[in-house]
Amino acid sequence: MLTNLVCIIAVIPTVFENIYMIIIGKFFFGLSAGGLIVSSSIYLNETVPAEHSSAFGFTTNFGVITGIMTCLLMGIGLPDPETDVQAAKDDTNWIIITLTPAIISFCGLLNWIFVFKLECVKACLSAEQGSALFDEGKTHVNKIYPSVDRDQIFQELLDAHLEGNKD
């Protein structure tokens, strides 16, 4: 959620025709994009069952490539400065292209706030047994694993978590 918020804020200075504002905005946008890529990979690793990780592992890179392709395709609509210099100077469609990542990040932020409200299983397993967060982990297991042995699967995850986090 933080990386989405930083992205939204970082894109704003890039719409002003000032080289220093653009550089500052692009720097912080790059930081937020990098953070988003890393956190997305971690989130997938913590929420997708191991037996399905190969099917979902490509999604982070696919999202990055799709975003780059979208930005490049949006540039097709801009006037060519070599053929029509005045049209290139007068055109303001670049502002829409520049703000597109902020719009996408805003939609992502809304999804995190209203749709994907559950914590990752790892955080739930780290909570005190009997707490609301710990019980939320059981809700996760019920959603992720369709088998009838959900209690056994949850106990195996808890045992593996406790074993992996021994001091």
C-alpha atoms as a PDB file:
ATOM      1  CA  MET A   1       0.000   0.000   0.000  1.00  0.00           C
ATOM      2  CA  LEU A   2       2.895   2.330   0.799  1.00  0.00           C
ATOM      3  CA  THR A   3       4.519   1.804  -2.593  1.00  0.00           C
ATOM      4  CA  ASN A   4       1.225   2.596  -4.325  1.00  0.00           C
ATOM      5  CA  LEU A   5       0.890   5.779  -2.307  1.00  0.00           C
ATOM      6  CA  VAL A   6       4.483   6.837  -3.042  1.00  0.00           C
ATOM      7  CA  CYS A   7       3.870   6.174  -6.749  1.00  0.00           C
ATOM      8  CA  ILE A   8       0.780   8.380  -6.767  1.00  0.00           C
ATOM      9  CA  ILE A   9       2.635  11.220  -5.052  1.00  0.00           C
ATOM     10  CA  ALA A  10       5.824  10.778  -7.125  1.00  0.00           C
ATOM     11  CA  VAL A  11       4.028  11.025 -10.459  1.00  0.00           C
ATOM     12  CA  ILE A  12       2.525  14.430  -9.671  1.00  0.00           C
ATOM     13  CA  PRO A  13       5.768  16.471 -10.110  1.00  0.00           C
ATOM     14  CA  THR A  14       6.421  14.829 -13.484  1.00  0.00           C
ATOM     15  CA  VAL A  15       3.497  16.656 -15.116  1.00  0.00           C
ATOM     16  CA  PHE A  16       5.163  20.044 -14.658  1.00  0.00           C
ATOM     17  CA  GLU A  17       7.490  21.207 -17.398  1.00  0.00           C
ATOM     18  CA  ASN A  18      10.469  21.592 -15.090  1.00  0.00           C
ATOM     19  CA  ILE A  19      13.452  19.280 -15.490  1.00  0.00           C
ATOM     20  CA  TYR A  20      14.232  19.197 -11.760  1.00  0.00           C
ATOM     21  CA  MET A  21      10.640  18.328 -10.835  1.00  0.00           C
ATOM     22  CA  ILE A  22      10.605  15.596 -13.467  1.00  0.00           C
ATOM     23  CA  ILE A  23      13.901  14.123 -12.207  1.00  0.00           C
ATOM     24  CA  ILE A  24      12.731  14.149  -8.575  1.00  0.00           C
ATOM     25  CA  GLY A  25       9.371  12.618  -9.499  1.00  0.00           C
ATOM     26  CA  LYS A  26      10.957   9.929 -11.685  1.00  0.00           C
ATOM     27  CA  PHE A  27      13.466   9.077  -8.931  1.00  0.00           C
ATOM     28  CA  PHE A  28      10.769   8.477  -6.331  1.00  0.00           C
ATOM     29  CA  PHE A  29       8.559   6.755  -8.899  1.00  0.00           C
ATOM     30  CA  GLY A  30      11.434   4.362  -9.635  1.00  0.00           C
ATOM     31  CA  LEU A  31      11.873   3.656  -5.927  1.00  0.00           C
ATOM     32  CA  SER A  32       8.180   2.923  -5.518  1.00  0.00           C
ATOM     33  CA  ALA A  33       8.095   0.743  -8.648  1.00  0.00           C
ATOM     34  CA  GLY A  34      11.069  -1.264  -7.389  1.00  0.00           C
ATOM     35  CA  GLY A  35       9.447  -1.634  -3.980  1.00  0.00           C
ATOM     36  CA  LEU A  36       6.206  -2.725  -5.605  1.00  0.00           C
ATOM     37  CA  ILE A  37       7.955  -5.396  -7.666  1.00  0.00           C
ATOM     38  CA  VAL A  38       9.756  -6.789  -4.617  1.00  0.00           C
ATOM     39  CA  SER A  39       6.681  -6.702  -2.384  1.00  0.00           C
ATOM     40  CA  SER A  40       4.560  -8.332  -5.091  1.00  0.00           C
ATOM     41  CA  SER A  41       7.006 -11.213  -5.340  1.00  0.00           C
ATOM     42  CA  ILE A  42       7.065 -11.624  -1.560  1.00  0.00           C
ATOM     43  CA  TYR A  43       3.263 -11.435  -1.378  1.00  0.00           C
ATOM     44  CA  LEU A  44       2.905 -14.145  -4.013  1.00  0.00           C
ATOM     45  CA  ASN A  45       5.486 -16.282  -2.244  1.00  0.00           C
ATOM     46  CA  GLU A  46       3.606 -15.992   1.047  1.00  0.00           C
ATOM     47  CA  THR A  47       0.088 -16.514  -0.292  1.00  0.00           C
ATOM     48  CA  VAL A  48       0.300 -18.982  -3.182  1.00  0.00           C
ATOM     49  CA  PRO A  49       0.555 -22.653  -2.198  1.00  0.00           C
ATOM     50  CA  ALA A  50       3.866 -24.271  -3.167  1.00  0.00           C
ATOM     51  CA  GLU A  51       2.183 -26.646  -5.615  1.00  0.00           C
ATOM     52  CA  HIS A  52       0.823 -23.670  -7.588  1.00  0.00           C
ATOM     53  CA  SER A  53       3.880 -21.400  -7.423  1.00  0.00           C
ATOM     54  CA  SER A  54       5.058 -22.291 -10.929  1.00  0.00           C
ATOM     55  CA  ALA A  55       1.692 -21.224 -12.363  1.00  0.00           C
ATOM     56  CA  PHE A  56       1.717 -17.830 -10.589  1.00  0.00           C
ATOM     57  CA  GLY A  57       5.447 -17.074 -10.452  1.00  0.00           C
ATOM     58  CA  PHE A  58       5.510 -15.277 -13.784  1.00  0.00           C
ATOM     59  CA  THR A  59       2.810 -12.754 -12.867  1.00  0.00           C
ATOM     60  CA  THR A  60       5.123 -10.110 -11.391  1.00  0.00           C
ATOM     61  CA  ASN A  61       7.289  -9.960 -14.512  1.00  0.00           C
ATOM     62  CA  PHE A  62       4.218 -10.174 -16.727  1.00  0.00           C
ATOM     63  CA  GLY A  63       2.774  -7.134 -14.927  1.00  0.00           C
ATOM     64  CA  VAL A  64       5.982  -5.158 -15.414  1.00  0.00           C
ATOM     65  CA  ILE A  65       6.186  -5.999 -19.110  1.00  0.00           C
ATOM     66  CA  THR A  66       2.489  -5.237 -19.604  1.00  0.00           C
ATOM     67  CA  GLY A  67       2.946  -1.835 -17.934  1.00  0.00           C
ATOM     68  CA  ILE A  68       5.939  -0.979 -20.123  1.00  0.00           C
ATOM     69  CA  MET A  69       4.075  -2.090 -23.248  1.00  0.00           C
ATOM     70  CA  THR A  70       1.028  -0.013 -22.270  1.00  0.00           C
ATOM     71  CA  CYS A  71       3.131   3.126 -21.824  1.00  0.00           C
ATOM     72  CA  LEU A  72       4.893   2.582 -25.153  1.00  0.00           C
ATOM     73  CA  LEU A  73       1.607   1.961 -26.973  1.00  0.00           C
ATOM     74  CA  MET A  74       0.112   5.128 -25.497  1.00  0.00           C
ATOM     75  CA  GLY A  75       3.009   7.055 -27.046  1.00  0.00           C
ATOM     76  CA  ILE A  76       1.782   6.126 -30.526  1.00  0.00           C
ATOM     77  CA  GLY A  77      -0.898   8.809 -30.226  1.00  0.00           C
ATOM     78  CA  LEU A  78       1.603  11.605 -29.675  1.00  0.00           C
ATOM     79  CA  PRO A  79       2.518  13.826 -32.633  1.00  0.00           C
ATOM     80  CA  ASP A  80       5.927  13.294 -34.221  1.00  0.00           C
ATOM     81  CA  PRO A  81       8.147  16.298 -33.460  1.00  0.00           C
ATOM     82  CA  GLU A  82      10.165  15.676 -36.638  1.00  0.00           C
ATOM     83  CA  THR A  83       7.168  16.091 -38.933  1.00  0.00           C
ATOM     84  CA  ASP A  84       5.064  18.626 -36.998  1.00  0.00           C
ATOM     85  CA  VAL A  85       7.039  20.604 -34.420  1.00  0.00           C
ATOM     86  CA  GLN A  86       4.175  22.899 -33.469  1.00  0.00           C
ATOM     87  CA  ALA A  87       1.724  20.043 -32.897  1.00  0.00           C
ATOM     88  CA  ALA A  88       4.292  18.341 -30.652  1.00  0.00           C
ATOM     89  CA  LYS A  89       4.697  21.557 -28.631  1.00  0.00           C
ATOM     90  CA  ASP A  90       0.948  22.128 -28.305  1.00  0.00           C
ATOM     91  CA  ASP A  91      -0.065  18.534 -27.535  1.00  0.00           C
ATOM     92  CA  THR A  92      -0.928  17.761 -23.893  1.00  0.00           C
ATOM     93  CA  ASN A  93      -1.684  14.056 -24.217  1.00  0.00           C
ATOM     94  CA  TRP A  94       1.700  13.342 -22.613  1.00  0.00           C
ATOM     95  CA  ILE A  95       0.136  14.402 -19.310  1.00  0.00           C
ATOM     96  CA  ILE A  96      -2.345  11.523 -19.537  1.00  0.00           C
ATOM     97  CA  ILE A  97       0.488   9.104 -20.302  1.00  0.00           C
ATOM     98  CA  THR A  98       2.500  10.448 -17.365  1.00  0.00           C
ATOM     99  CA  LEU A  99      -0.451  10.174 -14.956  1.00  0.00           C
ATOM    100  CA  THR A 100      -1.423   6.639 -16.011  1.00  0.00           C
ATOM    101  CA  PRO A 101       0.825   4.932 -13.406  1.00  0.00           C
ATOM    102  CA  ALA A 102      -0.782   7.057 -10.673  1.00  0.00           C
ATOM    103  CA  ILE A 103      -4.253   6.020 -11.839  1.00  0.00           C
ATOM    104  CA  ILE A 104      -3.252   2.337 -11.868  1.00  0.00           C
ATOM    105  CA  SER A 105      -1.615   2.697  -8.428  1.00  0.00           C
ATOM    106  CA  PHE A 106      -4.744   4.374  -7.100  1.00  0.00           C
ATOM    107  CA  CYS A 107      -6.825   1.411  -8.312  1.00  0.00           C
ATOM    108  CA  GLY A 108      -4.305  -0.944  -6.697  1.00  0.00           C
ATOM    109  CA  LEU A 109      -4.490   0.995  -3.439  1.00  0.00           C
ATOM    110  CA  LEU A 110      -8.279   0.753  -3.457  1.00  0.00           C
ATOM    111  CA  ASN A 111      -7.974  -3.010  -4.008  1.00  0.00           C
ATOM    112  CA  TRP A 112      -5.648  -3.346  -1.021  1.00  0.00           C
ATOM    113  CA  ILE A 113      -7.976  -1.316   1.169  1.00  0.00           C
ATOM    114  CA  PHE A 114     -11.329  -2.814   0.147  1.00  0.00           C
ATOM    115  CA  VAL A 115     -10.734  -6.187  -1.552  1.00  0.00           C
ATOM    116  CA  PHE A 116      -7.513  -7.837  -0.336  1.00  0.00           C
ATOM    117  CA  LYS A 117      -7.994  -7.197   3.369  1.00  0.00           C
ATOM    118  CA  LEU A 118      -6.575 -10.423   4.766  1.00  0.00           C
ATOM    119  CA  GLU A 119      -2.996 -10.581   6.020  1.00  0.00           C
ATOM    120  CA  CYS A 120      -0.596 -13.117   4.546  1.00  0.00           C
ATOM    121  CA  VAL A 121      -0.557 -16.586   6.079  1.00  0.00           C
ATOM    122  CA  LYS A 122       2.964 -16.067   7.430  1.00  0.00           C
ATOM    123  CA  ALA A 123       1.887 -13.019   9.453  1.00  0.00           C
ATOM    124  CA  CYS A 124      -1.140 -14.914  10.755  1.00  0.00           C
ATOM    125  CA  LEU A 125       0.983 -17.857  11.843  1.00  0.00           C
ATOM    126  CA  SER A 126       3.295 -15.473  13.718  1.00  0.00           C
ATOM    127  CA  ALA A 127       0.408 -14.130  15.797  1.00  0.00           C
ATOM    128  CA  GLU A 128      -0.533 -15.443  19.215  1.00  0.00           C
ATOM    129  CA  GLN A 129      -2.701 -18.565  19.024  1.00  0.00           C
ATOM    130  CA  GLY A 130      -6.346 -17.737  19.637  1.00  0.00           C
ATOM    131  CA  SER A 131      -6.001 -14.125  18.471  1.00  0.00           C
ATOM    132  CA  ALA A 132      -8.111 -12.705  15.652  1.00  0.00           C
ATOM    133  CA  LEU A 133      -5.063 -12.552  13.372  1.00  0.00           C
ATOM    134  CA  PHE A 134      -4.223 -16.197  14.058  1.00  0.00           C
ATOM    135  CA  ASP A 135      -7.819 -17.186  13.257  1.00  0.00           C
ATOM    136  CA  GLU A 136      -7.571 -15.161  10.043  1.00  0.00           C
ATOM    137  CA  GLY A 137      -4.846 -17.612   8.995  1.00  0.00           C
ATOM    138  CA  LYS A 138      -7.400 -20.403   9.171  1.00  0.00           C
ATOM    139  CA  THR A 139      -9.670 -18.345   6.908  1.00  0.00           C
ATOM    140  CA  HIS A 140      -6.777 -18.090   4.451  1.00  0.00           C
ATOM    141  CA  VAL A 141      -6.215 -21.822   4.443  1.00  0.00           C
ATOM    142  CA  ASN A 142      -9.924 -22.404   3.827  1.00  0.00           C
ATOM    143  CA  LYS A 143      -9.800 -20.101   0.791  1.00  0.00           C
ATOM    144  CA  ILE A 144      -6.497 -21.327  -0.617  1.00  0.00           C
ATOM    145  CA  TYR A 145      -6.751 -25.094  -0.092  1.00  0.00           C
ATOM    146  CA  PRO A 146     -10.005 -26.648  -1.360  1.00  0.00           C
ATOM    147  CA  SER A 147      -9.329 -30.020   0.273  1.00  0.00           C
ATOM    148  CA  VAL A 148     -11.295 -31.414   3.195  1.00  0.00           C
ATOM    149  CA  ASP A 149      -8.166 -31.674   5.378  1.00  0.00           C
ATOM    150  CA  ARG A 150      -7.882 -27.926   5.962  1.00  0.00           C
ATOM    151  CA  ASP A 151      -7.235 -28.275   9.700  1.00  0.00           C
ATOM    152  CA  GLN A 152      -4.404 -30.704   9.008  1.00  0.00           C
ATOM    153  CA  ILE A 153      -2.949 -28.396   6.350  1.00  0.00           C
ATOM    154  CA  PHE A 154      -3.139 -25.431   8.734  1.00  0.00           C
ATOM    155  CA  GLN A 155      -1.410 -27.446  11.466  1.00  0.00           C
ATOM    156  CA  GLU A 156       1.346 -28.496   9.027  1.00  0.00           C
ATOM    157  CA  LEU A 157       1.858 -24.861   8.004  1.00  0.00           C
ATOM    158  CA  LEU A 158       1.952 -23.791  11.645  1.00  0.00           C
ATOM    159  CA  ASP A 159       4.440 -26.549  12.552  1.00  0.00           C
ATOM    160  CA  ALA A 160       6.673 -25.642   9.589  1.00  0.00           C
ATOM    161  CA  HIS A 161       6.485 -21.955  10.547  1.00  0.00           C
ATOM    162  CA  LEU A 162       7.358 -22.652  14.179  1.00  0.00           C
ATOM    163  CA  GLU A 163      10.192 -24.984  13.154  1.00  0.00           C
ATOM    164  CA  GLY A 164      11.591 -22.402  10.715  1.00  0.00           C
ATOM    165  CA  ASN A 165      11.484 -19.609  13.302  1.00  0.00           C
ATOM    166  CA  LYS A 166      13.122 -21.372  16.240  1.00  0.00           C
ATOM    167  CA  ASP A 167      15.661 -19.191  18.027  1.00  0.00           C
END
